[in-house]
């Protein structure tokens, strides 16, 4: 993977470059969810790269981006995303953010709207973490740091995926690949990433000022950021469109890839 040094961090990313014969095609930047990497969007990128330049970055300490001493909070990651967009010279871009990537995307849109053409928020929230979940997530973060993902997989999986996906034997290959990729990450860094999500401040007040076209998508069975969270975002961003996806949990790009790709394709075609 290529890397770029921004703000004292080395950020890994994938880049399809402009489609053949379309040097002026606009760019989609994909921001992944916690415990994942840009790989989570591989189906969407494969389908959309014929029409768009597709860039997917890995957050600090996840995927192929090396660990850093600090900087796992959402504001620092927002700065990383802004710096990447500017360094690549691809703005304004379409931002597609899943969960943690949505936390960042809302901040980019509210604070640096000139860098975006549109905003797509998948399975995310504008508020802080639920108080009842903060302690649980921090405990799981410690266990992950000490023992890896496998001993706590039964606790983590229902937060990451919906029951339909978990019950489908055909999904095992994807889930095994997720575990394999997660096991490659630095455990201490992943713990810090979990803490950055658990302790994030809200941006409810900021998103009222978002002016770019916005699509909000949530799985009907999302246990980590339930549909009510998406409804709140859509109600606060002027003109935002809400889509609830049936038979889908928290990781919609993997669980319902064709649906998510179709929603993106249709939505992005409406953005001038």
C-alpha atoms as a PDB file:
ATOM      1  CA  UNK A   1       0.000   0.000   0.000  1.00  0.00           C
ATOM      2  CA  UNK A   2       1.182   3.550  -0.622  1.00  0.00           C
ATOM      3  CA  UNK A   3       1.729   5.731   2.430  1.00  0.00           C
ATOM      4  CA  UNK A   4       1.856   9.446   3.049  1.00  0.00           C
ATOM      5  CA  UNK A   5       3.358  11.337   5.974  1.00  0.00           C
ATOM      6  CA  UNK A   6       0.925  13.823   7.459  1.00  0.00           C
ATOM      7  CA  UNK A   7       0.935  15.573  10.811  1.00  0.00           C
ATOM      8  CA  UNK A   8       3.645  13.316  12.223  1.00  0.00           C
ATOM      9  CA  UNK A   9       1.888  10.098  11.214  1.00  0.00           C
ATOM     10  CA  UNK A  10       2.415   7.702   8.319  1.00  0.00           C
ATOM     11  CA  UNK A  11      -0.988   6.986   6.814  1.00  0.00           C
ATOM     12  CA  UNK A  12      -1.509   3.964   4.565  1.00  0.00           C
ATOM     13  CA  UNK A  13      -4.140   4.146   1.857  1.00  0.00           C
ATOM     14  CA  UNK A  14      -5.301   2.504  -1.338  1.00  0.00           C
ATOM     15  CA  UNK A  15      -5.843   4.535  -4.485  1.00  0.00           C
ATOM     16  CA  UNK A  16      -7.373   3.303  -7.726  1.00  0.00           C
ATOM     17  CA  UNK A  17      -6.373   6.542  -9.473  1.00  0.00           C
ATOM     18  CA  UNK A  18      -8.648   8.050 -12.104  1.00  0.00           C
ATOM     19  CA  UNK A  19     -10.648   5.634 -14.276  1.00  0.00           C
ATOM     20  CA  UNK A  20      -9.311   4.985 -17.763  1.00  0.00           C
ATOM     21  CA  UNK A  21     -10.351   7.761 -20.091  1.00  0.00           C
ATOM     22  CA  UNK A  22     -11.787   9.855 -17.245  1.00  0.00           C
ATOM     23  CA  UNK A  23      -8.928  11.961 -15.850  1.00  0.00           C
ATOM     24  CA  UNK A  24     -11.358  14.474 -14.374  1.00  0.00           C
ATOM     25  CA  UNK A  25     -13.497  11.930 -12.511  1.00  0.00           C
ATOM     26  CA  UNK A  26     -14.327  12.956  -8.969  1.00  0.00           C
ATOM     27  CA  UNK A  27     -12.859  11.103  -5.996  1.00  0.00           C
ATOM     28  CA  UNK A  28     -14.537   9.043  -3.294  1.00  0.00           C
ATOM     29  CA  UNK A  29     -12.668   8.811  -0.001  1.00  0.00           C
ATOM     30  CA  UNK A  30     -13.684   5.859   2.183  1.00  0.00           C
ATOM     31  CA  UNK A  31     -13.196   5.950   5.971  1.00  0.00           C
ATOM     32  CA  UNK A  32     -13.522   2.566   7.673  1.00  0.00           C
ATOM     33  CA  UNK A  33     -15.068   1.537  10.987  1.00  0.00           C
ATOM     34  CA  UNK A  34     -13.353   0.487  14.203  1.00  0.00           C
ATOM     35  CA  UNK A  35     -11.538  -2.894  14.065  1.00  0.00           C
ATOM     36  CA  UNK A  36     -11.463  -2.776  10.279  1.00  0.00           C
ATOM     37  CA  UNK A  37      -9.434  -1.161   7.500  1.00  0.00           C
ATOM     38  CA  UNK A  38     -10.141   0.161   4.034  1.00  0.00           C
ATOM     39  CA  UNK A  39     -10.656  -3.483   3.046  1.00  0.00           C
ATOM     40  CA  UNK A  40     -14.199  -3.307   4.425  1.00  0.00           C
ATOM     41  CA  UNK A  41     -15.159  -1.344   1.285  1.00  0.00           C
ATOM     42  CA  UNK A  42     -13.553  -3.698  -1.225  1.00  0.00           C
ATOM     43  CA  UNK A  43     -16.843  -4.614  -2.904  1.00  0.00           C
ATOM     44  CA  UNK A  44     -17.910  -0.987  -3.271  1.00  0.00           C
ATOM     45  CA  UNK A  45     -14.518   0.074  -4.610  1.00  0.00           C
ATOM     46  CA  UNK A  46     -14.498  -2.754  -7.148  1.00  0.00           C
ATOM     47  CA  UNK A  47     -17.866  -1.600  -8.492  1.00  0.00           C
ATOM     48  CA  UNK A  48     -17.357   2.173  -8.377  1.00  0.00           C
ATOM     49  CA  UNK A  49     -13.781   2.505  -9.575  1.00  0.00           C
ATOM     50  CA  UNK A  50     -14.931   2.505 -13.211  1.00  0.00           C
ATOM     51  CA  UNK A  51     -16.618   5.865 -12.603  1.00  0.00           C
ATOM     52  CA  UNK A  52     -14.681   7.400  -9.692  1.00  0.00           C
ATOM     53  CA  UNK A  53     -11.203   7.570  -8.289  1.00  0.00           C
ATOM     54  CA  UNK A  54     -11.466   5.596  -5.065  1.00  0.00           C
ATOM     55  CA  UNK A  55      -9.210   6.270  -2.069  1.00  0.00           C
ATOM     56  CA  UNK A  56      -9.495   4.332   1.191  1.00  0.00           C
ATOM     57  CA  UNK A  57      -7.331   5.254   4.166  1.00  0.00           C
ATOM     58  CA  UNK A  58      -6.472   3.210   7.243  1.00  0.00           C
ATOM     59  CA  UNK A  59      -6.775   5.004  10.580  1.00  0.00           C
ATOM     60  CA  UNK A  60      -3.819   5.169  12.954  1.00  0.00           C
ATOM     61  CA  UNK A  61      -2.829   1.759  14.271  1.00  0.00           C
ATOM     62  CA  UNK A  62      -5.354  -0.096  12.119  1.00  0.00           C
ATOM     63  CA  UNK A  63      -4.975  -1.880   8.813  1.00  0.00           C
ATOM     64  CA  UNK A  64      -1.587  -1.013   7.336  1.00  0.00           C
ATOM     65  CA  UNK A  65      -1.176   2.331   9.083  1.00  0.00           C
ATOM     66  CA  UNK A  66       1.500   2.057  11.787  1.00  0.00           C
ATOM     67  CA  UNK A  67       0.791   2.768  15.425  1.00  0.00           C
ATOM     68  CA  UNK A  68       1.488   6.225  16.809  1.00  0.00           C
ATOM     69  CA  UNK A  69       2.153   7.317  20.375  1.00  0.00           C
ATOM     70  CA  UNK A  70      -1.099   9.272  20.494  1.00  0.00           C
ATOM     71  CA  UNK A  71      -3.615  10.909  18.180  1.00  0.00           C
ATOM     72  CA  UNK A  72      -6.398   8.318  18.183  1.00  0.00           C
ATOM     73  CA  UNK A  73      -9.107  10.828  19.116  1.00  0.00           C
ATOM     74  CA  UNK A  74     -11.651  11.808  16.481  1.00  0.00           C
ATOM     75  CA  UNK A  75     -10.363  15.384  16.127  1.00  0.00           C
ATOM     76  CA  UNK A  76      -6.830  14.214  15.315  1.00  0.00           C
ATOM     77  CA  UNK A  77      -8.138  11.659  12.841  1.00  0.00           C
ATOM     78  CA  UNK A  78     -10.182  14.419  11.233  1.00  0.00           C
ATOM     79  CA  UNK A  79      -6.979  16.380  10.801  1.00  0.00           C
ATOM     80  CA  UNK A  80      -5.349  13.330   9.224  1.00  0.00           C
ATOM     81  CA  UNK A  81      -8.211  12.959   6.752  1.00  0.00           C
ATOM     82  CA  UNK A  82      -8.117  16.636   5.811  1.00  0.00           C
ATOM     83  CA  UNK A  83      -4.347  16.505   5.361  1.00  0.00           C
ATOM     84  CA  UNK A  84      -4.613  13.404   3.151  1.00  0.00           C
ATOM     85  CA  UNK A  85      -7.228  14.990   0.896  1.00  0.00           C
ATOM     86  CA  UNK A  86      -5.113  18.108   0.522  1.00  0.00           C
ATOM     87  CA  UNK A  87      -1.861  16.213   0.010  1.00  0.00           C
ATOM     88  CA  UNK A  88      -3.363  14.077  -2.759  1.00  0.00           C
ATOM     89  CA  UNK A  89      -4.956  17.144  -4.332  1.00  0.00           C
ATOM     90  CA  UNK A  90      -8.274  15.371  -4.844  1.00  0.00           C
ATOM     91  CA  UNK A  91     -10.746  17.714  -3.163  1.00  0.00           C
ATOM     92  CA  UNK A  92     -13.588  18.312  -3.166  1.00  0.00           C
ATOM     93  CA  UNK A  93     -14.378  14.619  -2.619  1.00  0.00           C
ATOM     94  CA  UNK A  94     -17.314  12.382  -1.872  1.00  0.00           C
ATOM     95  CA  UNK A  95     -16.807  11.117   1.685  1.00  0.00           C
ATOM     96  CA  UNK A  96     -18.132   7.659   2.592  1.00  0.00           C
ATOM     97  CA  UNK A  97     -17.655   6.865   6.276  1.00  0.00           C
ATOM     98  CA  UNK A  98     -18.611   3.733   8.185  1.00  0.00           C
ATOM     99  CA  UNK A  99     -19.104   4.069  11.952  1.00  0.00           C
ATOM    100  CA  UNK A 100     -15.746   5.534  13.061  1.00  0.00           C
ATOM    101  CA  UNK A 101     -15.294   6.841   9.518  1.00  0.00           C
ATOM    102  CA  UNK A 102     -18.668   8.508   9.929  1.00  0.00           C
ATOM    103  CA  UNK A 103     -17.575  10.170  13.172  1.00  0.00           C
ATOM    104  CA  UNK A 104     -14.694  11.672  11.199  1.00  0.00           C
ATOM    105  CA  UNK A 105     -16.796  12.453   8.134  1.00  0.00           C
ATOM    106  CA  UNK A 106     -19.250  14.552  10.114  1.00  0.00           C
ATOM    107  CA  UNK A 107     -16.369  16.588  11.521  1.00  0.00           C
ATOM    108  CA  UNK A 108     -14.807  17.074   8.091  1.00  0.00           C
ATOM    109  CA  UNK A 109     -18.137  18.173   6.621  1.00  0.00           C
ATOM    110  CA  UNK A 110     -18.895  20.580   9.472  1.00  0.00           C
ATOM    111  CA  UNK A 111     -15.417  22.113   9.694  1.00  0.00           C
ATOM    112  CA  UNK A 112     -14.009  21.788   6.173  1.00  0.00           C
ATOM    113  CA  UNK A 113     -17.057  21.678   3.949  1.00  0.00           C
ATOM    114  CA  UNK A 114     -15.092  23.087   1.029  1.00  0.00           C
ATOM    115  CA  UNK A 115     -13.243  19.751   0.792  1.00  0.00           C
ATOM    116  CA  UNK A 116     -16.414  17.707   0.212  1.00  0.00           C
ATOM    117  CA  UNK A 117     -18.835  17.227  -2.666  1.00  0.00           C
ATOM    118  CA  UNK A 118     -21.080  14.953  -0.636  1.00  0.00           C
ATOM    119  CA  UNK A 119     -21.258  13.008   2.615  1.00  0.00           C
ATOM    120  CA  UNK A 120     -22.416   9.417   3.090  1.00  0.00           C
ATOM    121  CA  UNK A 121     -22.701   8.183   6.662  1.00  0.00           C
ATOM    122  CA  UNK A 122     -23.032   4.442   7.234  1.00  0.00           C
ATOM    123  CA  UNK A 123     -24.003   2.993  10.621  1.00  0.00           C
ATOM    124  CA  UNK A 124     -22.738   5.873  12.720  1.00  0.00           C
ATOM    125  CA  UNK A 125     -23.733   8.437  15.344  1.00  0.00           C
ATOM    126  CA  UNK A 126     -23.397  12.165  16.018  1.00  0.00           C
ATOM    127  CA  UNK A 127     -23.589  11.703  19.774  1.00  0.00           C
ATOM    128  CA  UNK A 128     -21.209  10.349  22.411  1.00  0.00           C
ATOM    129  CA  UNK A 129     -21.005   6.655  23.175  1.00  0.00           C
ATOM    130  CA  UNK A 130     -23.874   5.353  25.300  1.00  0.00           C
ATOM    131  CA  UNK A 131     -22.766   5.530  28.971  1.00  0.00           C
ATOM    132  CA  UNK A 132     -23.755   1.916  29.536  1.00  0.00           C
ATOM    133  CA  UNK A 133     -21.483   0.747  26.718  1.00  0.00           C
ATOM    134  CA  UNK A 134     -18.374   2.784  27.531  1.00  0.00           C
ATOM    135  CA  UNK A 135     -17.220   0.526  30.368  1.00  0.00           C
ATOM    136  CA  UNK A 136     -17.947  -2.614  28.353  1.00  0.00           C
ATOM    137  CA  UNK A 137     -15.992  -1.347  25.351  1.00  0.00           C
ATOM    138  CA  UNK A 138     -13.024  -0.344  27.492  1.00  0.00           C
ATOM    139  CA  UNK A 139     -12.970  -3.754  29.146  1.00  0.00           C
ATOM    140  CA  UNK A 140     -13.099  -5.463  25.766  1.00  0.00           C
ATOM    141  CA  UNK A 141     -10.286  -3.169  24.614  1.00  0.00           C
ATOM    142  CA  UNK A 142      -8.085  -4.407  27.459  1.00  0.00           C
ATOM    143  CA  UNK A 143      -8.906  -8.040  26.705  1.00  0.00           C
ATOM    144  CA  UNK A 144      -8.157  -7.446  23.044  1.00  0.00           C
ATOM    145  CA  UNK A 145      -4.839  -5.864  24.007  1.00  0.00           C
ATOM    146  CA  UNK A 146      -3.889  -8.819  26.214  1.00  0.00           C
ATOM    147  CA  UNK A 147      -5.257 -11.824  24.352  1.00  0.00           C
ATOM    148  CA  UNK A 148      -6.269 -10.805  20.830  1.00  0.00           C
ATOM    149  CA  UNK A 149      -9.683 -10.978  19.230  1.00  0.00           C
ATOM    150  CA  UNK A 150     -10.446 -14.718  19.310  1.00  0.00           C
ATOM    151  CA  UNK A 151     -11.248 -15.085  23.065  1.00  0.00           C
ATOM    152  CA  UNK A 152     -13.740 -12.199  22.874  1.00  0.00           C
ATOM    153  CA  UNK A 153     -15.118 -12.871  19.414  1.00  0.00           C
ATOM    154  CA  UNK A 154     -18.495 -14.002  20.795  1.00  0.00           C
ATOM    155  CA  UNK A 155     -18.851 -10.632  22.562  1.00  0.00           C
ATOM    156  CA  UNK A 156     -17.606  -8.454  19.733  1.00  0.00           C
ATOM    157  CA  UNK A 157     -19.275 -10.095  16.721  1.00  0.00           C
ATOM    158  CA  UNK A 158     -22.899  -9.204  17.670  1.00  0.00           C
ATOM    159  CA  UNK A 159     -21.839  -5.566  17.898  1.00  0.00           C
ATOM    160  CA  UNK A 160     -20.141  -5.666  14.507  1.00  0.00           C
ATOM    161  CA  UNK A 161     -22.614  -7.791  12.532  1.00  0.00           C
ATOM    162  CA  UNK A 162     -26.330  -8.465  12.445  1.00  0.00           C
ATOM    163  CA  UNK A 163     -27.910 -11.834  13.304  1.00  0.00           C
ATOM    164  CA  UNK A 164     -28.790 -12.651   9.699  1.00  0.00           C
ATOM    165  CA  UNK A 165     -25.180 -12.238   8.599  1.00  0.00           C
ATOM    166  CA  UNK A 166     -23.820 -14.165  11.582  1.00  0.00           C
ATOM    167  CA  UNK A 167     -26.213 -17.047  10.948  1.00  0.00           C
ATOM    168  CA  UNK A 168     -25.349 -17.322   7.259  1.00  0.00           C
ATOM    169  CA  UNK A 169     -22.676 -20.015   6.637  1.00  0.00           C
ATOM    170  CA  UNK A 170     -21.658 -18.146   3.501  1.00  0.00           C
ATOM    171  CA  UNK A 171     -20.464 -15.211   5.616  1.00  0.00           C
ATOM    172  CA  UNK A 172     -17.839 -17.266   7.450  1.00  0.00           C
ATOM    173  CA  UNK A 173     -15.172 -16.606   4.832  1.00  0.00           C
ATOM    174  CA  UNK A 174     -15.580 -12.851   5.233  1.00  0.00           C
ATOM    175  CA  UNK A 175     -15.615 -13.064   9.010  1.00  0.00           C
ATOM    176  CA  UNK A 176     -12.494 -15.227   9.016  1.00  0.00           C
ATOM    177  CA  UNK A 177     -10.758 -12.720   6.751  1.00  0.00           C
ATOM    178  CA  UNK A 178     -11.767  -9.892   9.108  1.00  0.00           C
ATOM    179  CA  UNK A 179     -10.240 -11.769  12.058  1.00  0.00           C
ATOM    180  CA  UNK A 180      -7.080 -12.532  10.090  1.00  0.00           C
ATOM    181  CA  UNK A 181      -6.608  -8.894   9.147  1.00  0.00           C
ATOM    182  CA  UNK A 182      -7.381  -7.656  12.653  1.00  0.00           C
ATOM    183  CA  UNK A 183      -4.807 -10.037  14.109  1.00  0.00           C
ATOM    184  CA  UNK A 184      -2.144  -8.308  12.015  1.00  0.00           C
ATOM    185  CA  UNK A 185      -2.698  -5.006  13.814  1.00  0.00           C
ATOM    186  CA  UNK A 186      -0.738  -3.812  16.826  1.00  0.00           C
ATOM    187  CA  UNK A 187      -2.926  -4.710  19.830  1.00  0.00           C
ATOM    188  CA  UNK A 188      -1.901  -1.686  21.906  1.00  0.00           C
ATOM    189  CA  UNK A 189      -2.765   0.595  19.000  1.00  0.00           C
ATOM    190  CA  UNK A 190      -6.152  -1.048  18.466  1.00  0.00           C
ATOM    191  CA  UNK A 191      -6.917  -0.577  22.162  1.00  0.00           C
ATOM    192  CA  UNK A 192      -6.148   3.135  21.802  1.00  0.00           C
ATOM    193  CA  UNK A 193      -8.445   3.287  18.780  1.00  0.00           C
ATOM    194  CA  UNK A 194     -11.255   1.712  20.813  1.00  0.00           C
ATOM    195  CA  UNK A 195     -10.709   4.279  23.562  1.00  0.00           C
ATOM    196  CA  UNK A 196     -10.819   7.071  20.987  1.00  0.00           C
ATOM    197  CA  UNK A 197     -14.256   5.877  19.915  1.00  0.00           C
ATOM    198  CA  UNK A 198     -15.535   5.221  23.445  1.00  0.00           C
ATOM    199  CA  UNK A 199     -14.501   8.673  24.706  1.00  0.00           C
ATOM    200  CA  UNK A 200     -15.503  10.697  21.646  1.00  0.00           C
ATOM    201  CA  UNK A 201     -17.356  13.977  22.245  1.00  0.00           C
ATOM    202  CA  UNK A 202     -20.639  14.633  20.415  1.00  0.00           C
ATOM    203  CA  UNK A 203     -20.975  16.729  17.279  1.00  0.00           C
ATOM    204  CA  UNK A 204     -24.758  17.135  17.359  1.00  0.00           C
ATOM    205  CA  UNK A 205     -24.446  20.909  17.402  1.00  0.00           C
ATOM    206  CA  UNK A 206     -21.849  21.027  14.614  1.00  0.00           C
ATOM    207  CA  UNK A 207     -23.714  18.976  12.035  1.00  0.00           C
ATOM    208  CA  UNK A 208     -26.501  21.531  11.909  1.00  0.00           C
ATOM    209  CA  UNK A 209     -24.144  23.551   9.711  1.00  0.00           C
ATOM    210  CA  UNK A 210     -23.394  20.829   7.165  1.00  0.00           C
ATOM    211  CA  UNK A 211     -24.422  22.012   3.701  1.00  0.00           C
ATOM    212  CA  UNK A 212     -23.209  19.257   1.333  1.00  0.00           C
ATOM    213  CA  UNK A 213     -25.665  16.643   0.030  1.00  0.00           C
ATOM    214  CA  UNK A 214     -25.883  13.903   2.659  1.00  0.00           C
ATOM    215  CA  UNK A 215     -27.012  10.278   2.647  1.00  0.00           C
ATOM    216  CA  UNK A 216     -27.481   8.514   5.997  1.00  0.00           C
ATOM    217  CA  UNK A 217     -27.675   4.708   5.946  1.00  0.00           C
ATOM    218  CA  UNK A 218     -28.152   2.269   8.822  1.00  0.00           C
ATOM    219  CA  UNK A 219     -28.762  -1.432   9.172  1.00  0.00           C
ATOM    220  CA  UNK A 220     -32.151  -2.236  10.672  1.00  0.00           C
ATOM    221  CA  UNK A 221     -30.403  -4.654  13.071  1.00  0.00           C
ATOM    222  CA  UNK A 222     -27.454  -2.419  13.956  1.00  0.00           C
ATOM    223  CA  UNK A 223     -26.774  -3.009  17.664  1.00  0.00           C
ATOM    224  CA  UNK A 224     -23.800  -0.634  17.979  1.00  0.00           C
ATOM    225  CA  UNK A 225     -25.415   2.460  16.446  1.00  0.00           C
ATOM    226  CA  UNK A 226     -29.145   1.637  16.145  1.00  0.00           C
ATOM    227  CA  UNK A 227     -31.473   3.273  13.603  1.00  0.00           C
ATOM    228  CA  UNK A 228     -32.506   5.943  16.118  1.00  0.00           C
ATOM    229  CA  UNK A 229     -28.952   7.317  15.919  1.00  0.00           C
ATOM    230  CA  UNK A 230     -29.193   7.600  12.147  1.00  0.00           C
ATOM    231  CA  UNK A 231     -32.620   9.194  12.386  1.00  0.00           C
ATOM    232  CA  UNK A 232     -31.176  11.841  14.700  1.00  0.00           C
ATOM    233  CA  UNK A 233     -28.379  12.627  12.248  1.00  0.00           C
ATOM    234  CA  UNK A 234     -30.747  12.837   9.286  1.00  0.00           C
ATOM    235  CA  UNK A 235     -33.063  15.155  11.214  1.00  0.00           C
ATOM    236  CA  UNK A 236     -30.210  17.532  12.054  1.00  0.00           C
ATOM    237  CA  UNK A 237     -28.399  17.770   8.702  1.00  0.00           C
ATOM    238  CA  UNK A 238     -30.416  19.958   6.335  1.00  0.00           C
ATOM    239  CA  UNK A 239     -31.802  17.973   3.406  1.00  0.00           C
ATOM    240  CA  UNK A 240     -30.252  14.665   4.473  1.00  0.00           C
ATOM    241  CA  UNK A 241     -31.809  11.481   3.116  1.00  0.00           C
ATOM    242  CA  UNK A 242     -32.214   8.450   5.416  1.00  0.00           C
ATOM    243  CA  UNK A 243     -32.147   4.835   4.248  1.00  0.00           C
ATOM    244  CA  UNK A 244     -32.680   1.857   6.589  1.00  0.00           C
ATOM    245  CA  UNK A 245     -31.346  -1.441   5.238  1.00  0.00           C
ATOM    246  CA  UNK A 246     -33.195  -4.622   6.169  1.00  0.00           C
ATOM    247  CA  UNK A 247     -31.405  -7.782   7.353  1.00  0.00           C
ATOM    248  CA  UNK A 248     -28.296  -5.774   8.158  1.00  0.00           C
ATOM    249  CA  UNK A 249     -26.262  -5.010  11.260  1.00  0.00           C
ATOM    250  CA  UNK A 250     -23.432  -2.552  11.933  1.00  0.00           C
ATOM    251  CA  UNK A 251     -21.094  -3.376   9.051  1.00  0.00           C
ATOM    252  CA  UNK A 252     -23.349  -2.748   6.088  1.00  0.00           C
ATOM    253  CA  UNK A 253     -20.665  -2.701   3.328  1.00  0.00           C
ATOM    254  CA  UNK A 254     -19.863  -6.353   4.125  1.00  0.00           C
ATOM    255  CA  UNK A 255     -23.303  -7.554   5.145  1.00  0.00           C
ATOM    256  CA  UNK A 256     -25.284  -6.034   2.264  1.00  0.00           C
ATOM    257  CA  UNK A 257     -22.641  -5.085  -0.314  1.00  0.00           C
ATOM    258  CA  UNK A 258     -24.909  -4.876  -3.352  1.00  0.00           C
ATOM    259  CA  UNK A 259     -27.446  -2.742  -1.510  1.00  0.00           C
ATOM    260  CA  UNK A 260     -24.792  -0.325  -0.245  1.00  0.00           C
ATOM    261  CA  UNK A 261     -23.125  -0.103  -3.640  1.00  0.00           C
ATOM    262  CA  UNK A 262     -26.481   0.576  -5.274  1.00  0.00           C
ATOM    263  CA  UNK A 263     -27.360   3.279  -2.770  1.00  0.00           C
ATOM    264  CA  UNK A 264     -23.993   4.947  -3.311  1.00  0.00           C
ATOM    265  CA  UNK A 265     -24.221   4.719  -7.093  1.00  0.00           C
ATOM    266  CA  UNK A 266     -27.689   6.259  -7.124  1.00  0.00           C
ATOM    267  CA  UNK A 267     -26.906   8.966  -4.568  1.00  0.00           C
ATOM    268  CA  UNK A 268     -23.582  10.063  -6.079  1.00  0.00           C
ATOM    269  CA  UNK A 269     -25.178  10.370  -9.514  1.00  0.00           C
ATOM    270  CA  UNK A 270     -27.447  13.089  -8.091  1.00  0.00           C
ATOM    271  CA  UNK A 271     -24.570  15.194  -6.755  1.00  0.00           C
ATOM    272  CA  UNK A 272     -23.605  17.964  -9.133  1.00  0.00           C
END
